[in-house]
């Protein structure tokens, strides 16, 4: 089964609504995705985030000519109305009221980069590679785009990756986040950081997803140690199109 939610996980609410799923995909499917990970195609793109990250969005993966059928089908499902409705049902109590009580069709949402300009909901499925870094972390404590409704992360480390760290971390908040440093990727200020509440290991076939229902969904990536290989992952996103509706408002300091 293609769905990353096929195990029907239970939502945890501390520090904010999220799910963590070990062995998220059937192993035969996961290993096929792993074996056909489009690394060569991805590394041929221009790196982002000061040259440390490569990211390929679903508008590339969804092309009929894309080299891996299983990745094309995986991206099709995780940008579809069926997937979006699945996530809404999971996070229903915490989703925006205009989303909660509606079942969406394929004509009412679309993959980012492909969606018609009049469609108000965008989805995305991105393959991502981070270069190995020896100091610090690729992501300090931050919050995501206020247009985002949910975000998921599927870990795909190499089988022989012996590094440690690179883990997804959920943070508590000391006070409601009202401003962020947008140049640093919406990094929060130290006076808002309540510390790490949960750490999700960087482990094969592990999926974590959270509901981005308020400005306090602080998260980060722990520093990697002894990293010599790329850090591979898949980002799964659902958001309002830019200019349609802001989930919450914060001051974005430049």
Protein backbone atom coordinates (compact mmCIF):
# COMPACT_ATOMS: atom_id res chain seq x y z
CA UNK A 1 0.00 0.00 0.00
CA UNK A 2 1.39 3.39 -1.01
CA UNK A 3 0.03 5.44 1.91
CA UNK A 4 2.44 6.48 4.64
CA UNK A 5 -0.56 6.34 7.00
CA UNK A 6 -1.53 2.76 6.19
CA UNK A 7 -0.88 1.72 9.82
CA UNK A 8 -3.60 4.11 11.07
CA UNK A 9 -1.45 5.79 13.73
CA UNK A 10 -2.73 7.48 16.87
CA UNK A 11 -2.13 11.21 17.16
CA UNK A 12 0.06 12.34 20.03
CA UNK A 13 -0.44 15.91 21.28
CA UNK A 14 2.66 16.68 23.33
CA UNK A 15 4.02 19.22 22.48
CA UNK A 16 1.64 19.58 19.49
CA UNK A 17 -0.36 17.14 17.30
CA UNK A 18 1.92 14.65 15.52
CA UNK A 19 2.41 11.01 14.62
CA UNK A 20 5.55 8.89 14.53
CA UNK A 21 5.42 5.64 12.54
CA UNK A 22 8.14 3.00 12.52
CA UNK A 23 8.23 0.77 9.44
CA UNK A 24 5.74 3.13 7.84
CA UNK A 25 5.69 1.48 4.41
CA UNK A 26 5.64 -2.23 3.59
CA UNK A 27 9.32 -3.15 3.39
CA UNK A 28 9.19 -4.39 -0.19
CA UNK A 29 7.83 -1.02 -1.30
CA UNK A 30 10.25 0.95 0.88
CA UNK A 31 13.23 -0.96 -0.45
CA UNK A 32 12.12 -0.44 -4.04
CA UNK A 33 11.90 3.31 -3.37
CA UNK A 34 15.27 3.15 -1.66
CA UNK A 35 16.89 1.28 -4.55
CA UNK A 36 15.42 3.68 -7.11
CA UNK A 37 16.00 6.89 -5.13
CA UNK A 38 16.65 9.50 -7.85
CA UNK A 39 19.97 10.59 -6.44
CA UNK A 40 21.73 11.27 -9.72
CA UNK A 41 18.85 13.40 -11.03
CA UNK A 42 18.57 15.28 -7.75
CA UNK A 43 22.29 16.01 -7.47
CA UNK A 44 22.23 17.46 -10.99
CA UNK A 45 20.03 20.32 -9.73
CA UNK A 46 21.24 23.54 -8.13
CA UNK A 47 21.79 23.16 -4.37
CA UNK A 48 19.76 25.32 -1.99
CA UNK A 49 20.22 26.66 1.55
CA UNK A 50 23.73 27.99 1.00
CA UNK A 51 24.70 24.96 -1.04
CA UNK A 52 23.96 22.19 1.48
CA UNK A 53 20.58 20.90 0.32
CA UNK A 54 19.14 19.46 -2.90
CA UNK A 55 15.37 19.36 -3.22
CA UNK A 56 13.18 18.11 -6.08
CA UNK A 57 9.47 18.88 -5.92
CA UNK A 58 6.52 16.85 -7.12
CA UNK A 59 6.18 18.81 -10.37
CA UNK A 60 9.30 16.91 -11.49
CA UNK A 61 8.43 13.55 -9.95
CA UNK A 62 4.95 13.58 -11.52
CA UNK A 63 6.13 13.92 -15.10
CA UNK A 64 5.23 10.93 -17.26
CA UNK A 65 8.83 10.71 -18.39
CA UNK A 66 10.25 10.55 -14.86
CA UNK A 67 12.77 7.71 -14.69
CA UNK A 68 11.24 5.74 -11.78
CA UNK A 69 7.65 4.53 -12.03
CA UNK A 70 7.44 3.67 -8.33
CA UNK A 71 8.54 7.18 -7.35
CA UNK A 72 6.07 8.70 -9.81
CA UNK A 73 3.24 6.62 -8.29
CA UNK A 74 4.39 7.43 -4.76
CA UNK A 75 4.37 11.16 -5.53
CA UNK A 76 0.99 10.90 -7.28
CA UNK A 77 -0.59 9.35 -4.21
CA UNK A 78 0.98 11.72 -1.68
CA UNK A 79 -0.20 14.79 -3.61
CA UNK A 80 -3.70 13.42 -4.30
CA UNK A 81 -7.10 14.29 -2.85
CA UNK A 82 -7.30 10.80 -1.35
CA UNK A 83 -4.09 11.41 0.61
CA UNK A 84 -5.16 14.93 1.62
CA UNK A 85 -8.48 13.62 2.94
CA UNK A 86 -6.63 10.89 4.81
CA UNK A 87 -4.48 13.48 6.60
CA UNK A 88 -7.46 15.73 7.33
CA UNK A 89 -9.29 12.80 8.93
CA UNK A 90 -6.23 12.05 11.06
CA UNK A 91 -5.76 15.62 12.29
CA UNK A 92 -9.41 16.70 12.07
CA UNK A 93 -9.76 18.22 15.60
CA UNK A 94 -6.77 20.48 14.95
CA UNK A 95 -7.29 21.40 11.30
CA UNK A 96 -8.79 24.74 10.19
CA UNK A 97 -12.58 24.74 10.46
CA UNK A 98 -12.97 25.41 6.73
CA UNK A 99 -11.10 22.13 6.11
CA UNK A 100 -12.53 19.88 8.83
CA UNK A 101 -15.94 19.00 7.43
CA UNK A 102 -15.27 18.63 3.74
CA UNK A 103 -14.16 15.80 1.51
CA UNK A 104 -11.96 17.12 -1.27
CA UNK A 105 -11.88 16.03 -4.91
CA UNK A 106 -8.97 16.10 -7.34
CA UNK A 107 -10.40 19.28 -8.88
CA UNK A 108 -10.13 21.15 -5.57
CA UNK A 109 -6.43 20.75 -4.88
CA UNK A 110 -3.25 20.18 -6.82
CA UNK A 111 0.46 19.52 -6.64
CA UNK A 112 2.57 22.61 -6.09
CA UNK A 113 3.98 23.73 -9.42
CA UNK A 114 1.14 22.01 -11.29
CA UNK A 115 -1.96 23.35 -9.55
CA UNK A 116 -4.20 25.78 -11.39
CA UNK A 117 -3.82 29.33 -10.05
CA UNK A 118 -7.45 29.27 -8.88
CA UNK A 119 -6.94 26.17 -6.71
CA UNK A 120 -6.55 27.13 -3.06
CA UNK A 121 -4.87 24.01 -1.67
CA UNK A 122 -1.45 22.81 -2.74
CA UNK A 123 0.24 19.53 -1.95
CA UNK A 124 3.83 18.45 -2.43
CA UNK A 125 6.05 15.38 -2.24
CA UNK A 126 9.74 16.28 -2.36
CA UNK A 127 12.84 14.12 -2.44
CA UNK A 128 15.63 15.76 -0.47
CA UNK A 129 19.35 15.28 0.01
CA UNK A 130 21.51 17.16 2.50
CA UNK A 131 25.26 17.17 2.19
CA UNK A 132 27.16 15.74 5.16
CA UNK A 133 28.16 18.56 7.49
CA UNK A 134 30.65 18.19 10.31
CA UNK A 135 29.60 21.12 12.48
CA UNK A 136 26.21 22.24 13.69
CA UNK A 137 22.90 21.24 12.15
CA UNK A 138 21.07 21.75 8.89
CA UNK A 139 18.02 23.05 10.80
CA UNK A 140 18.08 24.98 14.06
CA UNK A 141 14.80 25.38 16.04
CA UNK A 142 12.30 26.98 13.68
CA UNK A 143 8.68 27.01 12.54
CA UNK A 144 7.35 26.34 9.05
CA UNK A 145 5.54 28.49 6.52
CA UNK A 146 2.31 29.87 8.06
CA UNK A 147 0.45 28.75 4.91
CA UNK A 148 1.25 25.12 5.72
CA UNK A 149 -1.40 22.81 7.23
CA UNK A 150 0.74 19.74 7.75
CA UNK A 151 4.24 18.49 7.05
CA UNK A 152 5.67 14.98 7.03
CA UNK A 153 9.15 13.56 6.83
CA UNK A 154 10.12 10.06 5.69
CA UNK A 155 13.67 9.06 6.57
CA UNK A 156 15.72 7.14 4.00
CA UNK A 157 19.29 6.80 5.33
CA UNK A 158 21.74 4.54 3.53
CA UNK A 159 21.90 1.03 4.97
CA UNK A 160 25.57 1.47 5.84
CA UNK A 161 25.26 4.98 7.31
CA UNK A 162 27.13 4.85 10.65
CA UNK A 163 26.71 8.50 11.58
CA UNK A 164 24.66 9.56 14.59
CA UNK A 165 22.29 12.49 15.01
CA UNK A 166 20.34 14.06 12.16
CA UNK A 167 17.20 13.35 14.18
CA UNK A 168 13.89 15.20 14.02
CA UNK A 169 13.19 17.03 17.28
CA UNK A 170 9.93 18.48 18.59
CA UNK A 171 10.25 21.43 20.95
CA UNK A 172 8.11 22.91 23.69
CA UNK A 173 7.49 26.65 23.71
CA UNK A 174 8.01 29.11 26.56
CA UNK A 175 5.67 31.72 25.14
CA UNK A 176 3.64 32.06 21.96
CA UNK A 177 5.91 32.65 18.97
CA UNK A 178 5.19 36.11 17.60
CA UNK A 179 8.30 36.78 15.56
CA UNK A 180 10.98 34.79 13.75
CA UNK A 181 14.21 35.32 11.85
CA UNK A 182 13.14 34.65 8.26
CA UNK A 183 16.70 34.88 6.87
CA UNK A 184 17.61 31.93 9.07
CA UNK A 185 14.68 29.85 7.81
CA UNK A 186 12.06 31.12 10.27
CA UNK A 187 14.37 30.34 13.14
CA UNK A 188 12.81 31.19 16.49
CA UNK A 189 14.47 33.28 19.14
CA UNK A 190 15.93 31.63 22.22
CA UNK A 191 13.38 33.19 24.56
CA UNK A 192 10.64 31.13 22.88
CA UNK A 193 12.46 27.78 22.94
CA UNK A 194 11.14 25.49 25.69
CA UNK A 195 13.56 22.68 24.89
CA UNK A 196 13.35 19.33 23.14
CA UNK A 197 10.34 17.21 24.12
CA UNK A 198 10.73 14.33 21.67
CA UNK A 199 13.45 13.04 19.38
CA UNK A 200 12.68 10.82 16.39
CA UNK A 201 15.71 8.79 15.25
CA UNK A 202 17.05 9.15 11.74
CA UNK A 203 16.14 5.57 10.86
CA UNK A 204 15.09 3.80 7.66
CA UNK A 205 11.36 3.76 6.90
CA UNK A 206 10.48 6.06 9.81
CA UNK A 207 7.80 8.67 9.15
CA UNK A 208 6.92 11.67 11.31
CA UNK A 209 4.16 14.17 10.51
CA UNK A 210 2.72 17.11 12.44
CA UNK A 211 -0.24 19.43 12.16
CA UNK A 212 0.95 23.01 11.66
CA UNK A 213 -2.08 24.53 13.37
CA UNK A 214 -0.40 27.37 15.31
CA UNK A 215 2.91 29.29 15.48
CA UNK A 216 4.25 27.13 18.32
CA UNK A 217 5.10 24.02 16.28
CA UNK A 218 8.84 24.43 16.88
CA UNK A 219 11.08 21.71 15.49
CA UNK A 220 14.70 21.15 14.56
CA UNK A 221 17.24 18.60 13.37
CA UNK A 222 19.92 17.41 15.79
CA UNK A 223 23.57 17.77 14.72
CA UNK A 224 25.03 14.81 12.83
CA UNK A 225 28.23 13.22 14.08
CA UNK A 226 30.78 11.37 11.93
CA UNK A 227 28.72 12.04 8.83
CA UNK A 228 30.34 11.05 5.55
CA UNK A 229 27.21 10.32 3.51
CA UNK A 230 24.26 12.31 2.24
CA UNK A 231 21.18 12.57 4.45
CA UNK A 232 18.18 11.42 2.37
CA UNK A 233 14.54 12.10 3.14
CA UNK A 234 11.12 12.80 1.62
CA UNK A 235 9.02 15.86 2.53
CA UNK A 236 5.22 15.59 2.37
CA UNK A 237 3.33 18.91 2.55
CA UNK A 238 -0.18 20.34 2.41
CA UNK A 239 -0.71 24.09 2.39
CA UNK A 240 -2.93 26.96 1.28
CA UNK A 241 -1.72 28.67 -1.87
CA UNK A 242 0.19 31.84 -1.24
CA UNK A 243 -2.10 34.83 -0.95
CA UNK A 244 -5.22 32.78 -0.17
CA UNK A 245 -5.27 32.36 3.59
CA UNK A 246 -2.68 32.63 6.32
CA UNK A 247 -2.96 29.96 9.01
CA UNK A 248 -1.51 32.30 11.59
CA UNK A 249 0.36 35.60 11.54
CA UNK A 250 3.84 36.24 12.83
CA UNK A 251 6.41 38.99 12.38
CA UNK A 252 9.12 37.82 10.00
CA UNK A 253 12.25 39.79 10.82
CA UNK A 254 14.73 40.23 7.99
